[in-house]
């Protein structure tokens, strides 16, 4: 898995793989810098916490995985933002998140189609948000952020940051709530981008 994720990038940097143009390489390197900043900041925050308190970590591998997920997710979002812009990125993230959630709930039914159909209704809000994002970007964006905050406390994920010893779980927050928060912020930012574009066109 590590070779599959990082191998192509290494080959591009040493010049053995030439499958991207200058724009794509520039986007990838900018995303890599953003991932470096976020990952580095996270690591220094963890160092500060565990120097201040007794560094008890129940599952060190979970902590390492959490850092990797944050770095990877930052790189992915930065890449998508550079390629598509805030509004398009938000809508496509919502569609992708809805599909993943739909497939997960179908599989969770374990052959019981009634259960699968009922659980699959949980994917409807994501598709609905993507459909109405162009027409009501600010409303949908604010709703997504509000839902993310609600789910954060509903699932008790706030306990992760207060529990000692650390048992992991940050990756679940990033991969589950991350797309919702980023989509909400993207819709709000996308509205501002669209307004700015209209002003330039009129000028």
Protein backbone atom coordinates (compact mmCIF):
# COMPACT_ATOMS: atom_id res chain seq x y z
CA UNK A 1 0.00 0.00 0.00
CA UNK A 2 2.84 2.35 0.84
CA UNK A 3 4.51 1.72 -2.50
CA UNK A 4 1.21 2.28 -4.30
CA UNK A 5 0.61 5.62 -2.56
CA UNK A 6 4.12 7.07 -2.59
CA UNK A 7 5.88 5.10 -5.32
CA UNK A 8 4.53 7.06 -8.32
CA UNK A 9 5.46 10.37 -6.70
CA UNK A 10 9.00 9.20 -6.04
CA UNK A 11 9.34 8.02 -9.65
CA UNK A 12 8.08 11.39 -10.93
CA UNK A 13 10.54 13.32 -8.81
CA UNK A 14 13.52 11.35 -10.10
CA UNK A 15 12.25 11.65 -13.67
CA UNK A 16 11.42 8.01 -14.38
CA UNK A 17 7.66 8.59 -14.66
CA UNK A 18 6.29 11.36 -16.89
CA UNK A 19 2.52 10.97 -16.73
CA UNK A 20 1.62 14.52 -15.60
CA UNK A 21 1.91 17.91 -17.22
CA UNK A 22 3.34 21.02 -15.55
CA UNK A 23 -0.01 22.12 -14.14
CA UNK A 24 -0.67 18.73 -12.53
CA UNK A 25 2.82 18.62 -11.06
CA UNK A 26 2.44 22.13 -9.68
CA UNK A 27 -0.88 21.20 -8.07
CA UNK A 28 0.58 18.03 -6.54
CA UNK A 29 3.59 19.84 -5.11
CA UNK A 30 1.43 22.64 -3.68
CA UNK A 31 -0.82 20.02 -2.07
CA UNK A 32 2.26 18.30 -0.70
CA UNK A 33 3.38 21.55 0.93
CA UNK A 34 -0.05 22.01 2.52
CA UNK A 35 0.09 18.45 3.84
CA UNK A 36 3.57 19.15 5.24
CA UNK A 37 2.28 22.24 7.08
CA UNK A 38 -0.78 20.53 8.57
CA UNK A 39 1.08 17.33 9.44
CA UNK A 40 3.96 19.21 10.97
CA UNK A 41 1.64 21.38 13.05
CA UNK A 42 -0.22 18.29 14.27
CA UNK A 43 3.02 16.58 15.27
CA UNK A 44 4.26 19.61 17.21
CA UNK A 45 0.90 19.86 19.01
CA UNK A 46 1.17 16.21 20.01
CA UNK A 47 4.74 16.73 21.19
CA UNK A 48 3.58 19.67 23.33
CA UNK A 49 0.73 17.64 24.84
CA UNK A 50 2.81 14.58 25.65
CA UNK A 51 5.68 16.62 27.08
CA UNK A 52 3.25 18.44 29.33
CA UNK A 53 1.61 15.19 30.51
CA UNK A 54 2.76 11.64 31.01
CA UNK A 55 3.11 10.22 27.48
CA UNK A 56 0.85 7.18 27.85
CA UNK A 57 -0.28 5.82 24.48
CA UNK A 58 -2.31 2.62 24.49
CA UNK A 59 -1.96 2.00 20.76
CA UNK A 60 1.02 3.80 19.19
CA UNK A 61 0.07 2.47 15.75
CA UNK A 62 -3.28 4.30 16.00
CA UNK A 63 -1.49 7.57 16.67
CA UNK A 64 0.79 7.06 13.68
CA UNK A 65 -2.20 6.13 11.50
CA UNK A 66 -4.04 9.27 12.64
CA UNK A 67 -1.13 11.47 11.57
CA UNK A 68 -0.95 9.74 8.19
CA UNK A 69 -4.70 10.11 7.59
CA UNK A 70 -4.57 13.84 8.40
CA UNK A 71 -1.61 14.36 6.06
CA UNK A 72 -3.18 12.33 3.25
CA UNK A 73 -6.59 13.98 3.61
CA UNK A 74 -5.01 17.43 3.53
CA UNK A 75 -3.09 16.54 0.36
CA UNK A 76 -6.24 15.17 -1.28
CA UNK A 77 -8.38 18.20 -0.48
CA UNK A 78 -5.72 20.66 -1.57
CA UNK A 79 -5.35 18.80 -4.87
CA UNK A 80 -9.10 18.73 -5.52
CA UNK A 81 -9.44 22.40 -4.61
CA UNK A 82 -6.72 23.39 -7.08
CA UNK A 83 -8.23 21.26 -9.85
CA UNK A 84 -11.93 22.06 -9.47
CA UNK A 85 -12.35 25.11 -7.27
CA UNK A 86 -14.28 25.27 -3.99
CA UNK A 87 -17.86 24.85 -5.24
CA UNK A 88 -17.25 21.96 -7.63
CA UNK A 89 -15.01 20.23 -5.09
CA UNK A 90 -17.74 20.46 -2.43
CA UNK A 91 -20.42 18.99 -4.70
CA UNK A 92 -18.24 16.11 -5.89
CA UNK A 93 -17.15 15.33 -2.34
CA UNK A 94 -20.80 15.13 -1.31
CA UNK A 95 -21.64 12.80 -4.19
CA UNK A 96 -18.61 10.61 -3.40
CA UNK A 97 -19.40 10.56 0.31
CA UNK A 98 -23.03 9.70 -0.46
CA UNK A 99 -22.00 6.78 -2.70
CA UNK A 100 -19.59 5.40 -0.09
CA UNK A 101 -22.19 5.71 2.65
CA UNK A 102 -24.81 4.08 0.40
CA UNK A 103 -22.58 1.09 -0.41
CA UNK A 104 -21.57 0.71 3.23
CA UNK A 105 -25.19 0.55 4.40
CA UNK A 106 -26.17 -1.89 1.65
CA UNK A 107 -23.34 -4.18 2.73
CA UNK A 108 -24.25 -3.71 6.41
CA UNK A 109 -27.70 -5.18 5.73
CA UNK A 110 -26.07 -8.59 5.23
CA UNK A 111 -28.64 -9.74 2.67
CA UNK A 112 -31.68 -8.26 4.42
CA UNK A 113 -32.93 -5.89 1.73
CA UNK A 114 -35.45 -4.18 3.98
CA UNK A 115 -32.70 -3.26 6.43
CA UNK A 116 -30.39 -2.22 3.60
CA UNK A 117 -33.01 0.07 2.06
CA UNK A 118 -33.87 1.69 5.39
CA UNK A 119 -30.23 2.26 6.30
CA UNK A 120 -29.47 3.53 2.81
CA UNK A 121 -31.83 6.45 3.40
CA UNK A 122 -29.01 7.94 5.47
CA UNK A 123 -27.22 8.67 2.18
CA UNK A 124 -30.12 10.80 0.90
CA UNK A 125 -29.07 14.02 2.72
CA UNK A 126 -25.66 13.94 1.03
CA UNK A 127 -27.14 13.58 -2.45
CA UNK A 128 -29.76 16.22 -1.65
CA UNK A 129 -27.07 18.62 -0.42
CA UNK A 130 -25.08 18.07 -3.64
CA UNK A 131 -28.17 18.68 -5.78
CA UNK A 132 -29.15 21.91 -4.02
CA UNK A 133 -25.60 23.17 -3.55
CA UNK A 134 -25.62 25.31 -6.70
CA UNK A 135 -28.96 26.92 -5.90
CA UNK A 136 -28.56 27.42 -2.14
CA UNK A 137 -24.81 27.19 -1.44
CA UNK A 138 -24.82 29.26 1.74
CA UNK A 139 -27.78 27.46 3.32
CA UNK A 140 -26.44 24.00 2.43
CA UNK A 141 -22.95 24.95 3.59
CA UNK A 142 -24.16 26.14 6.98
CA UNK A 143 -26.35 23.05 7.40
CA UNK A 144 -23.41 20.74 6.64
CA UNK A 145 -21.21 22.45 9.22
CA UNK A 146 -24.03 22.33 11.81
CA UNK A 147 -24.64 18.63 11.13
CA UNK A 148 -20.91 17.94 11.48
CA UNK A 149 -20.79 19.63 14.88
CA UNK A 150 -23.89 17.71 16.00
CA UNK A 151 -22.46 14.34 14.88
CA UNK A 152 -19.11 15.11 16.54
CA UNK A 153 -20.77 15.29 19.95
CA UNK A 154 -23.53 12.74 19.19
CA UNK A 155 -20.98 9.99 18.54
CA UNK A 156 -18.92 11.09 21.55
CA UNK A 157 -15.82 11.86 19.48
CA UNK A 158 -14.99 14.79 21.75
CA UNK A 159 -13.94 12.19 24.34
CA UNK A 160 -11.01 11.19 22.12
CA UNK A 161 -9.19 14.40 22.95
CA UNK A 162 -9.80 14.05 26.70
CA UNK A 163 -9.14 10.36 27.14
CA UNK A 164 -5.84 9.09 28.52
CA UNK A 165 -4.27 6.85 27.42
CA UNK A 166 -4.72 7.78 23.80
CA UNK A 167 -6.47 4.97 21.89
CA UNK A 168 -6.80 6.53 18.45
CA UNK A 169 -9.92 7.49 16.57
CA UNK A 170 -8.83 10.74 14.95
CA UNK A 171 -8.78 9.01 11.58
CA UNK A 172 -12.51 8.20 11.94
CA UNK A 173 -13.28 11.85 12.60
CA UNK A 174 -11.21 12.99 9.63
CA UNK A 175 -12.63 10.49 7.16
CA UNK A 176 -16.25 10.72 8.35
CA UNK A 177 -16.72 14.37 9.31
CA UNK A 178 -13.89 15.79 7.19
CA UNK A 179 -15.78 15.63 3.87
CA UNK A 180 -18.87 17.22 5.44
CA UNK A 181 -16.97 20.10 7.04
CA UNK A 182 -14.85 20.73 3.96
CA UNK A 183 -17.92 20.59 1.70
CA UNK A 184 -19.70 23.10 3.92
CA UNK A 185 -16.75 25.49 3.93
CA UNK A 186 -16.29 24.92 0.20
CA UNK A 187 -19.90 25.87 -0.53
CA UNK A 188 -19.56 29.08 1.47
CA UNK A 189 -16.26 29.92 -0.24
CA UNK A 190 -17.65 28.86 -3.62
CA UNK A 191 -20.48 31.36 -3.31
CA UNK A 192 -17.95 34.15 -2.75
CA UNK A 193 -15.89 32.97 -5.72
CA UNK A 194 -18.96 32.98 -7.96
CA UNK A 195 -19.88 36.49 -6.86
CA UNK A 196 -16.36 37.71 -7.55
CA UNK A 197 -16.41 36.10 -11.00
CA UNK A 198 -19.70 37.81 -11.83
CA UNK A 199 -18.31 41.19 -10.79
CA UNK A 200 -15.28 40.69 -13.04
CA UNK A 201 -17.47 39.67 -15.99
CA UNK A 202 -19.71 42.73 -15.56
CA UNK A 203 -16.66 44.97 -15.32
